[in-house]
Protein backbone atom coordinates (compact mmCIF):
# COMPACT_ATOMS: atom_id res chain seq x y z
CA ILE A 1 91.57 91.94 115.21
CA THR A 2 92.90 93.63 118.45
CA GLU A 3 95.62 96.33 117.04
CA ILE A 4 95.76 98.49 114.36
CA PRO A 5 97.82 97.00 111.62
CA SER A 6 100.85 99.41 111.12
CA THR A 7 102.45 97.95 108.50
CA MET A 8 101.03 96.84 104.74
CA LYS A 9 101.76 92.90 105.84
CA GLU A 10 99.48 93.40 108.64
CA LEU A 11 96.98 95.26 107.54
CA GLU A 12 96.85 92.83 103.85
CA SER A 13 97.04 89.70 106.59
CA VAL A 14 93.68 91.13 108.20
CA PHE A 15 92.12 91.76 105.10
CA ASP A 16 93.10 87.93 104.63
CA LYS A 17 90.81 86.80 107.40
CA LEU A 18 87.99 89.05 106.69
CA LEU A 19 87.72 86.93 103.20
CA ALA A 20 88.27 83.93 104.94
CA ASP A 21 85.28 84.76 106.72
CA GLY A 22 83.15 86.09 103.89
CA ILE A 23 83.11 90.16 104.68
CA THR A 24 84.57 92.40 101.78
CA PRO A 25 87.46 94.31 103.62
CA VAL A 26 87.29 97.75 102.15
CA SER A 27 83.89 99.46 101.29
CA SER A 28 84.62 101.19 98.09
CA ASN A 29 83.71 102.38 94.66
CA ALA A 30 84.41 103.02 91.12
CA GLY A 31 81.45 104.78 89.94
CA GLU A 32 83.01 108.21 91.78
CA HIS A 33 86.51 108.63 92.81
CA ALA A 34 87.42 106.19 95.55
CA VAL A 35 89.53 103.66 93.29
CA LEU A 36 91.00 106.64 92.30
CA GLN A 37 92.24 107.91 95.66
CA THR A 38 93.15 104.21 96.40
CA TRP A 39 95.03 103.73 93.30
CA TRP A 40 97.21 106.54 93.70
CA GLN A 41 97.48 106.00 97.25
CA LEU A 42 99.18 103.22 96.30
CA ILE A 43 101.38 104.86 93.58
CA SER A 44 102.59 106.90 97.26
CA GLN A 45 103.13 104.36 99.02
CA ASN A 46 106.59 104.10 97.43
CA ALA A 47 107.30 106.94 95.17
CA SER A 48 109.89 109.44 96.03
CA ARG A 49 109.31 113.09 96.17
CA GLU A 50 111.08 113.76 92.97
CA GLU A 51 108.40 111.11 91.04
CA ILE A 52 105.81 112.69 92.12
CA ASP A 53 107.04 116.08 91.60
CA ASN A 54 107.67 115.24 87.81
CA PHE A 55 103.99 114.15 87.42
CA ILE A 56 101.97 116.97 89.28
CA LEU A 57 104.89 119.48 88.57
CA MET A 58 106.19 118.94 85.32
CA SER A 59 109.69 119.62 87.02
CA ASP A 60 110.81 117.04 85.04
CA ARG A 61 110.04 114.06 82.97
CA SER A 62 107.83 111.92 84.13
CA ASP A 63 108.41 107.64 84.52
CA MET A 64 104.46 106.89 84.55
CA THR A 65 105.10 103.53 83.08
CA GLY A 66 107.61 102.42 85.04
CA GLY A 67 108.81 103.11 89.39
CA ALA A 68 106.13 103.57 91.82
CA PHE A 69 103.13 103.84 88.81
CA ALA A 70 103.65 100.27 88.08
CA GLU A 71 104.53 99.22 91.40
CA GLY A 72 101.18 101.39 92.54
CA THR A 73 98.96 100.20 89.67
CA ALA A 74 100.25 96.46 90.25
CA HIS A 75 99.26 96.75 93.86
CA LEU A 76 95.76 97.80 92.85
CA GLU A 77 95.06 95.22 90.68
CA LYS A 78 96.44 92.80 92.67
CA TRP A 79 94.00 94.26 95.26
CA LEU A 80 91.11 93.88 93.02
CA ARG A 81 91.53 90.39 91.62
CA LYS A 82 91.79 89.30 95.63
CA GLY A 83 88.22 91.30 96.29
CA TYR A 84 89.60 93.35 99.06
CA LEU A 85 87.86 95.71 97.63
CA GLY A 86 84.54 93.82 96.75
CA LYS A 87 83.11 93.39 93.57
CA GLN A 88 80.70 95.02 90.66
CA LEU A 89 82.36 98.43 91.76
CA ALA A 90 81.82 100.47 88.86
CA GLY A 91 78.37 100.86 89.30
CA LEU A 92 78.91 102.16 93.01
CA LYS A 93 78.99 105.56 94.17
CA ALA A 94 80.17 107.22 96.69
CA ASP A 95 77.12 107.28 99.01
CA ASP A 96 76.81 103.38 98.25
CA MET A 97 80.65 103.32 99.66
CA GLU A 98 79.64 105.28 102.77
CA ARG A 99 76.25 103.17 103.81
CA ALA A 100 77.60 100.14 103.26
CA PHE A 101 80.36 101.22 105.77
CA LEU A 102 77.61 103.04 107.93
CA ALA A 103 75.70 99.91 108.49
CA GLY A 104 78.93 97.74 109.20
CA LYS A 105 79.01 95.65 106.38
CA MET A 106 82.58 96.89 105.71
CA PRO A 107 85.34 97.18 108.36
CA PHE A 108 87.07 99.34 106.28
CA MET A 109 86.43 102.52 104.21
CA ALA A 110 89.69 103.91 102.06
CA ASN A 111 88.64 107.51 101.50
CA GLY A 112 89.05 111.33 102.29
CA THR A 113 88.39 113.65 104.92
CA TRP A 114 85.23 114.99 103.27
CA SER A 115 83.76 111.69 104.31
CA PHE A 116 84.37 112.54 107.80
CA ASN A 117 81.63 114.18 108.82
CA ARG A 118 79.00 111.98 107.87
CA ILE A 119 80.93 109.17 109.56
CA ASN A 120 81.45 110.91 112.73
CA GLU A 121 77.07 112.38 113.16
CA GLU A 122 76.31 108.62 112.02
CA ALA A 123 77.97 106.07 112.72
CA PRO A 124 76.44 103.59 115.23
CA PHE A 125 79.52 102.43 116.66
CA ASN A 126 82.87 103.61 117.55
CA TRP A 127 85.65 104.03 115.06
CA GLY A 128 88.63 105.41 114.32
CA MET A 129 91.41 106.35 111.43
CA LEU A 130 94.46 105.36 110.38
CA LYS A 131 97.04 106.25 107.56
CA PHE A 132 97.73 103.67 105.35
CA PRO A 133 100.66 101.77 106.53
CA ASP A 134 104.06 101.80 105.44
CA SER A 135 103.38 104.82 102.78
CA LYS A 136 105.88 107.51 102.24
CA LEU A 137 103.90 109.74 101.18
CA THR A 138 100.05 110.15 101.93
CA ALA A 139 97.30 111.31 99.07
CA GLY A 140 95.88 114.93 99.75
CA ALA A 141 96.89 118.60 99.57
CA SER A 142 96.42 121.77 101.57
CA GLY A 143 93.97 122.95 99.35
CA HIS A 144 93.47 125.47 96.53
CA LEU A 145 94.74 129.14 96.92
CA TRP A 146 92.87 131.73 96.57
CA ALA A 147 93.99 134.37 93.53
CA ILE A 148 92.76 138.16 92.56
CA PRO A 149 92.81 138.49 88.36
CA THR A 150 94.74 141.65 88.05
CA ASP A 151 91.22 143.26 85.83
CA ALA A 152 89.43 142.49 89.16
CA LYS A 153 87.05 145.56 89.18
CA ASN A 154 86.65 145.33 93.58
CA LYS A 155 90.28 144.14 94.49
CA ALA A 156 90.13 145.63 97.99
CA CYS A 157 86.94 143.48 98.39
CA ALA A 158 88.44 140.34 96.99
CA ARG A 159 91.56 141.04 99.57
CA ALA A 160 89.22 141.30 102.76
CA TRP A 161 87.59 138.29 101.92
CA ILE A 162 90.81 136.18 101.78
CA LYS A 163 91.85 137.91 104.49
CA LYS A 164 88.45 136.86 106.64
CA SER A 165 88.56 133.79 105.15
CA LEU A 166 92.16 132.91 106.55
CA SER A 167 91.37 134.48 110.01
CA LYS A 168 91.99 132.44 112.96
CA SER A 169 88.10 132.82 113.87
CA VAL A 170 87.12 131.03 110.52
CA GLN A 171 89.92 128.73 110.39
CA GLY A 172 88.74 127.66 113.53
CA GLU A 173 85.07 127.02 112.78
CA ILE A 174 86.19 125.02 109.69
CA ALA A 175 88.02 122.70 111.66
CA LYS A 176 85.17 122.57 114.13
CA LEU A 177 82.70 121.19 111.50
CA GLY A 178 85.13 118.27 110.39
CA GLY A 179 87.04 120.23 107.72
CA ILE A 180 91.11 120.42 107.04
CA PRO A 181 91.73 124.22 107.47
CA VAL A 182 95.27 125.63 106.32
CA ILE A 183 95.75 127.61 109.25
CA VAL A 184 94.86 125.73 112.88
CA ASP A 185 96.18 125.09 115.98
CA PRO A 186 94.56 121.46 116.28
CA SER A 187 94.52 122.06 120.54
CA THR A 188 92.29 123.87 120.11
CA ILE A 189 89.95 121.20 118.78
CA GLU A 190 87.55 119.96 121.02
CA ASP A 191 86.28 116.63 119.34
CA GLN A 192 89.28 114.31 119.61
CA ARG A 193 88.75 112.79 116.22
CA MET A 194 88.76 115.91 114.71
CA LYS A 195 91.67 116.60 116.84
CA GLU A 196 93.25 113.98 115.61
CA MET A 197 92.60 114.58 111.97
CA ASN A 198 93.90 117.97 112.17
CA LYS A 199 97.20 116.84 113.57
CA THR A 200 97.65 113.52 111.04
CA PHE A 201 97.14 116.91 108.32
CA GLN A 202 99.70 118.98 110.15
CA THR A 203 102.42 116.53 110.23
CA LEU A 204 102.57 115.53 106.56
CA LYS A 205 102.41 119.32 105.48
CA THR A 206 105.29 120.21 107.96
CA LYS A 207 107.39 117.07 106.21
CA ASN A 208 106.18 117.74 102.86
CA GLN A 209 104.54 114.38 103.03
CA LEU A 210 101.29 115.21 100.48
CA SER A 211 101.26 113.81 97.25
CA TYR A 212 98.61 116.16 95.71
CA TYR A 213 95.67 115.13 93.48
CA PRO A 214 96.59 112.00 90.12
CA ASP A 215 94.71 114.98 88.25
CA TYR A 216 96.08 117.57 88.91
CA PRO A 217 98.75 118.27 85.92
CA VAL A 218 96.68 118.11 82.58
CA PRO A 219 93.32 119.39 81.53
CA GLY A 220 91.04 115.89 80.97
CA LEU A 221 93.63 113.72 83.13
CA LEU A 222 90.58 113.41 85.80
CA ASP A 223 88.10 111.67 82.96
CA TYR A 224 91.19 109.43 81.46
CA GLN A 225 92.04 108.38 84.97
CA MET A 226 88.61 107.57 86.19
CA ALA A 227 87.15 105.50 83.17
CA GLY A 228 90.32 103.64 83.13
CA LEU A 229 90.21 102.46 86.63
CA GLN A 230 86.95 101.49 85.68
CA SER A 231 88.15 99.26 82.99
CA ILE A 232 90.72 97.84 85.29
CA ALA A 233 88.26 97.16 88.21
CA SER A 234 85.91 95.74 85.92
CA GLY A 235 88.57 93.35 84.13
CA ALA A 236 88.17 95.15 80.69
CA GLN A 237 91.49 96.73 81.08
CA SER A 238 95.34 95.94 82.05
CA GLY A 239 96.93 97.93 84.26
CA LYS A 240 100.24 98.70 81.77
CA LYS A 241 97.40 99.34 79.20
CA PHE A 242 96.36 101.91 81.43
CA LEU A 243 99.67 103.38 81.93
CA LYS A 244 100.61 103.42 78.50
CA GLY A 245 97.62 105.15 78.00
CA MET A 246 97.42 107.65 80.72
CA LYS A 247 101.50 108.52 79.29
CA ASP A 248 99.95 109.55 76.00
CA TYR A 249 97.23 111.71 77.41
CA TYR A 250 99.64 113.35 79.54
CA GLU A 251 102.24 113.68 76.79
CA GLY A 252 99.38 115.13 74.32
CA ASN A 253 97.77 117.63 76.37
CA LYS A 254 100.82 119.12 78.45
């Protein structure tokens, strides 16, 4: 494999070649959030801005049993069936996934920027990053917003904290430590991988191509999604049944 895959077809062709050599292509887990994030990314691959906003922001009625949701869930089932993400995922945690990647046992790891610093510090091999190919949108968000309660006893202190945390010096330090700051000029980051990661994020943010995270809309949705995707990974539940249950949970807890 000498070139980075630029299309989903090329990526899956690489996965098939690895499997043919007895190598699990992607380090993942279902004991924590990795399969959830891969599922959401496969939905985001073909989702329109409207489909995502209807689900996340409740802008309009969301079709959770058809469209990009059905396509992405079926795509995940295909990946699981083929063995792209390995076996016995329900028993694996994030640390297991990262350790397998760092040991060089699996050549890809689909995960978020929170793993960046560990990989950057511990990987004994040269490595790089790529976005999921052919994706209209990318799973992720620009972080949570600061807020000051109306009955806060020291609003001036809170305002000072917000001003300081959003200052160029603090935001720049976040970038240097491997994070995704809200405000930063990527050209000021010295580490090339961190610079690349932040440039990619800034581009996604500027083009409104972030699909947020799938548990945002209603309380408790993450627990439902985690349990359901674990059962899909183990073969105990179909994707169609999972989406029908998620729709019922979503509608019942708005």
